[in-house]
Protein backbone atom coordinates (compact mmCIF):
# COMPACT_ATOMS: atom_id res chain seq x y z
CA MET A 1 37.86 172.37 167.36
CA PRO A 2 35.10 172.75 170.01
CA ALA A 3 35.58 175.72 172.32
CA PHE A 4 33.92 174.33 175.43
CA LEU A 5 37.09 172.61 176.72
CA ASP A 6 40.19 174.23 178.20
CA LEU A 7 43.03 172.72 176.18
CA PRO A 8 46.74 173.55 176.09
CA PRO A 9 47.66 176.06 173.37
CA ARG A 10 49.19 174.70 170.18
CA SER A 11 51.42 176.65 167.82
CA ALA A 12 50.13 177.07 164.27
CA LYS A 13 51.92 175.60 161.24
CA PRO A 14 54.60 176.24 160.20
CA ARG A 15 55.69 175.87 163.81
CA ASP A 16 59.00 175.90 165.61
CA GLN A 17 57.81 173.80 168.52
CA GLY A 18 55.19 171.15 169.03
CA ILE A 19 56.47 169.52 165.85
CA THR A 20 55.24 166.07 164.83
CA HIS A 21 57.87 164.51 162.56
CA VAL A 22 56.36 161.47 160.82
CA LEU A 23 58.26 158.40 159.58
CA ASP A 24 57.12 157.17 156.16
CA ARG A 25 58.37 153.58 155.81
CA GLY A 26 56.78 153.14 152.37
CA LEU A 27 53.36 154.77 152.12
CA ALA A 28 51.48 154.63 148.83
CA VAL A 29 50.29 157.90 147.30
CA ALA A 30 46.71 157.04 148.23
CA GLU A 31 47.81 156.44 151.82
CA ILE A 32 49.36 159.91 151.90
CA ASP A 33 45.97 161.34 150.96
CA GLY A 34 44.38 159.26 153.71
CA LEU A 35 46.88 160.51 156.28
CA VAL A 36 46.27 164.11 155.28
CA GLU A 37 42.50 163.66 155.30
CA VAL A 38 42.57 162.35 158.86
CA ALA A 39 45.45 164.26 160.44
CA GLY A 40 47.21 166.48 157.90
CA GLU A 41 47.02 169.60 160.06
CA PHE A 42 49.13 167.82 162.67
CA VAL A 43 51.91 166.60 160.34
CA ASP A 44 54.82 169.05 160.28
CA PHE A 45 57.48 166.99 158.49
CA VAL A 46 57.72 163.59 156.87
CA LYS A 47 60.91 161.55 156.76
CA LEU A 48 61.25 158.92 154.06
CA GLY A 49 62.96 156.35 156.25
CA TRP A 50 66.63 155.39 155.83
CA GLY A 51 67.24 154.75 152.10
CA THR A 52 63.67 154.03 151.00
CA ALA A 53 63.68 157.05 148.67
CA VAL A 54 66.23 155.35 146.42
CA ALA A 55 64.07 152.22 146.08
CA THR A 56 60.71 154.02 145.74
CA ARG A 57 59.50 153.68 142.14
CA ASN A 58 56.90 156.45 142.45
CA LEU A 59 59.16 158.81 144.40
CA HIS A 60 58.33 161.89 142.34
CA ALA A 61 54.60 161.24 142.66
CA LYS A 62 54.97 160.89 146.43
CA LEU A 63 56.98 164.07 146.75
CA ASP A 64 54.51 165.93 144.55
CA ARG A 65 51.63 164.77 146.74
CA TYR A 66 53.33 165.80 149.98
CA ARG A 67 54.23 169.12 148.36
CA ALA A 68 50.62 169.66 147.28
CA HIS A 69 49.58 169.18 150.89
CA GLY A 70 52.22 171.63 152.13
CA ILE A 71 54.20 168.99 154.05
CA PRO A 72 58.01 169.23 153.84
CA VAL A 73 59.89 165.99 153.21
CA VAL A 74 63.36 164.98 154.34
CA LEU A 75 65.23 161.82 153.38
CA GLY A 76 66.55 159.54 156.10
CA GLY A 77 69.94 160.30 157.60
CA THR A 78 71.14 156.78 156.89
CA LEU A 79 71.13 157.66 153.19
CA THR A 80 73.36 160.65 153.93
CA GLU A 81 75.67 158.39 155.93
CA LEU A 82 75.96 156.00 152.99
CA ALA A 83 76.74 158.87 150.63
CA ILE A 84 79.45 160.11 153.00
CA ALA A 85 80.93 156.62 153.39
CA GLN A 86 81.06 156.19 149.60
CA ARG A 87 82.38 159.74 149.08
CA LYS A 88 79.22 160.55 147.11
CA LEU A 89 77.96 163.52 149.15
CA ASP A 90 78.13 165.83 146.12
CA GLY A 91 75.90 163.42 144.22
CA LEU A 92 73.39 163.33 147.06
CA ILE A 93 73.30 167.12 147.24
CA ASP A 94 72.68 167.33 143.49
CA TRP A 95 69.91 164.73 143.75
CA LEU A 96 68.20 166.58 146.60
CA GLY A 97 68.21 169.67 144.40
CA GLU A 98 66.73 167.74 141.47
CA LEU A 99 63.99 166.45 143.78
CA GLY A 100 63.24 169.97 144.95
CA LEU A 101 63.86 169.16 148.60
CA GLY A 102 64.71 171.97 150.98
CA HIS A 103 65.54 169.87 154.04
CA VAL A 104 68.30 167.36 154.72
CA GLU A 105 69.24 165.10 157.60
CA ILE A 106 72.77 164.18 158.61
CA SER A 107 73.50 161.51 161.17
CA ASP A 108 76.34 159.28 162.27
CA GLY A 109 74.40 156.54 164.00
CA THR A 110 75.74 153.81 161.73
CA ILE A 111 79.06 154.89 160.25
CA THR A 112 82.12 156.13 162.07
CA LEU A 113 82.37 159.85 161.32
CA ASP A 114 84.78 162.24 162.98
CA HIS A 115 82.68 164.87 164.72
CA GLU A 116 84.70 167.76 163.32
CA GLU A 117 84.03 166.41 159.83
CA LYS A 118 80.34 166.12 160.65
CA LEU A 119 80.33 169.78 161.72
CA ARG A 120 81.98 170.80 158.46
CA ILE A 121 79.34 168.88 156.52
CA ILE A 122 76.56 170.56 158.52
CA GLU A 123 78.05 173.97 157.76
CA ARG A 124 78.19 173.11 154.06
CA LEU A 125 74.65 171.72 153.91
CA ALA A 126 73.22 174.65 155.88
CA ARG A 127 74.16 177.00 153.04
CA ASP A 128 71.48 175.46 150.82
CA PHE A 129 69.20 173.41 153.07
CA THR A 130 67.41 173.43 156.39
CA VAL A 131 69.42 170.88 158.33
CA PHE A 132 68.26 168.27 160.80
CA SER A 133 71.28 166.69 162.44
CA GLU A 134 71.02 163.59 164.57
CA VAL A 135 72.99 162.64 167.66
CA GLY A 136 73.26 159.15 169.12
CA SER A 137 74.04 155.65 167.91
CA LYS A 138 71.66 153.10 166.44
CA ASP A 139 73.67 150.44 168.29
CA ASP A 140 72.06 149.96 171.70
CA THR A 141 75.36 148.68 173.12
CA LYS A 142 77.09 152.01 172.50
CA ILE A 143 76.48 154.30 175.47
CA MET A 144 77.59 157.93 175.26
CA ALA A 145 78.06 160.04 178.38
CA PRO A 146 75.45 162.79 178.85
CA TYR A 147 78.07 165.55 178.62
CA ARG A 148 79.06 164.24 175.20
CA TRP A 149 75.44 164.40 174.04
CA VAL A 150 75.24 168.00 175.20
CA GLU A 151 78.57 168.88 173.61
CA GLN A 152 77.65 167.36 170.25
CA ILE A 153 74.18 168.93 170.21
CA GLU A 154 75.54 172.37 171.06
CA THR A 155 78.25 172.27 168.40
CA GLU A 156 75.89 170.96 165.72
CA LEU A 157 73.43 173.76 166.41
CA GLN A 158 76.30 176.23 166.22
CA ALA A 159 77.39 174.69 162.91
CA GLY A 160 73.99 175.45 161.40
CA ALA A 161 71.58 172.65 162.27
CA TRP A 162 68.02 173.95 162.66
CA LYS A 163 67.01 171.07 164.95
CA VAL A 164 69.00 168.23 166.45
CA ILE A 165 67.26 164.86 166.58
CA ALA A 166 67.88 162.61 169.58
CA GLU A 167 68.36 159.11 168.16
CA ALA A 168 66.04 156.25 169.06
CA ARG A 169 65.77 154.13 165.89
CA GLU A 170 62.34 153.37 164.47
CA THR A 171 61.93 150.81 167.26
CA GLY A 172 62.61 153.20 170.14
CA THR A 173 65.28 150.90 171.56
CA ALA A 174 68.56 152.83 171.24
CA GLY A 175 70.05 156.25 171.86
CA ILE A 176 67.86 158.01 174.43
CA TYR A 177 66.16 154.70 175.26
CA ARG A 178 67.24 151.45 176.83
CA PRO A 179 66.94 148.26 174.74
CA ASP A 180 63.51 147.60 176.30
CA GLY A 181 62.25 151.04 175.23
CA GLU A 182 62.49 152.70 178.65
CA VAL A 183 63.51 156.36 178.51
CA ARG A 184 67.00 157.11 179.80
CA MET A 185 65.50 159.72 182.07
CA GLY A 186 68.75 160.93 183.59
CA LEU A 187 70.24 161.44 180.13
CA VAL A 188 67.24 163.39 178.86
CA ASP A 189 67.14 165.52 182.01
CA GLU A 190 70.80 166.45 181.58
CA ILE A 191 70.28 167.29 177.91
CA VAL A 192 67.30 169.59 178.50
CA HIS A 193 69.05 171.21 181.46
CA ASP A 194 71.62 172.61 179.04
CA ILE A 195 69.78 172.68 175.69
CA ASP A 196 66.50 174.46 174.96
CA PRO A 197 64.05 171.67 174.01
CA VAL A 198 62.77 173.87 171.18
CA SER A 199 66.04 173.06 169.38
CA LEU A 200 65.54 169.32 169.80
CA VAL A 201 63.41 166.60 168.25
CA PHE A 202 63.03 163.51 170.42
CA GLU A 203 62.37 160.34 168.48
CA ALA A 204 59.44 158.65 170.22
CA PRO A 205 57.81 155.94 168.11
CA ARG A 206 56.01 154.30 171.04
CA LYS A 207 52.99 155.71 172.85
CA GLU A 208 54.53 155.30 176.31
CA GLN A 209 57.59 157.25 175.13
CA GLN A 210 55.41 160.03 173.74
CA VAL A 211 53.51 160.19 177.03
CA TRP A 212 56.72 160.49 179.02
CA PHE A 213 57.98 163.44 176.97
CA LEU A 214 54.62 165.19 177.02
CA ARG A 215 54.43 164.87 180.79
CA ARG A 216 58.03 165.98 181.21
CA LEU A 217 58.22 168.80 178.63
CA GLY A 218 54.63 169.69 177.82
CA ALA A 219 52.35 169.67 174.80
CA GLU A 220 54.77 171.64 172.61
CA VAL A 221 57.66 169.16 172.73
CA ASN A 222 59.02 168.16 169.30
CA LEU A 223 58.59 164.43 168.64
CA GLY A 224 59.88 162.33 165.75
CA ASN A 225 59.70 158.87 164.18
CA ILE A 226 55.94 158.98 164.64
CA PRO A 227 54.14 156.23 162.68
CA PRO A 228 51.57 157.69 160.26
CA GLY A 229 48.76 155.83 161.97
CA ASP A 230 49.65 157.40 165.33
CA VAL A 231 49.55 161.07 164.32
CA LEU A 232 45.98 161.72 165.46
CA SER A 233 46.55 159.70 168.63
CA LEU A 234 49.64 161.79 169.42
CA GLU A 235 47.70 165.01 168.94
CA THR A 236 45.08 163.83 171.44
CA LEU A 237 47.90 163.09 173.87
CA ARG A 238 49.28 166.60 173.32
CA LEU A 239 45.86 168.11 174.02
CA GLY A 240 45.09 165.98 177.08
CA LEU A 241 42.26 164.19 175.30
CA ARG A 242 43.48 160.71 176.19
CA SER A 243 43.63 159.16 179.65
CA ASP A 244 47.44 159.05 179.69
CA THR A 245 47.73 162.86 179.65
CA ILE A 246 44.40 164.09 181.03
CA PRO A 247 45.31 166.51 183.86
CA THR A 248 44.04 165.44 187.26
CA ASP A 249 44.58 168.70 189.15
CA GLY A 250 42.20 170.95 187.21
CA THR A 251 44.96 172.48 185.04
CA ASP A 252 45.74 171.98 181.39
CA SER A 253 48.32 169.46 180.20
CA GLY A 254 50.70 171.94 178.64
CA GLY A 255 53.10 172.42 181.53
CA GLN A 256 55.96 170.38 182.83
């Protein structure tokens, strides 16, 4: 990267913050190579959305290609929810092992899952996997009080989750967002007042949502559900190389 500009510092991979968590809705193997060619250094994790892994005919080839590029893969939390609902969690765990996956996501955005049971599952999974847990409902009519968000995030981190994902759906219209995609700013402010943002991944599939978080929390905020085609764009937003995040006061764009 050219050295003549003053840009905000970025952590090197594998990084604990400034994570870009990409949503793969069904990329072909050749498309994975294209993504890596253009923006591979900025991709920290890839999620195979919801239950697409089960229906992907070339799953092993895809996983091998991501593995060759040094990009960890996690399957969508909805698949874990289905396994829990069908009492097939043991089967899912065995399958993850057969696939050679070291990360797992657990959510309860679709099914009704007692939170104490969710914590027990996190504790169990954390013995063998790096766990992403997810808080928030995929139903935009279900509103949870901010203190409940904080309580659930704190207890899931204590149970062994490495990062807690703040739900938004792939559309960015639920959880931490209103149905029109607007950030629930008061909710996010209360969450980050009590929880270190390093422990969080904010789903932000839309550019305006990414911009809001970068302005609020800086270049090293963890963002998820990023479309593959937006990875390079997001990195330019992180670095203040796009008009939305170019600093106007002579400072870099890495602060709050």
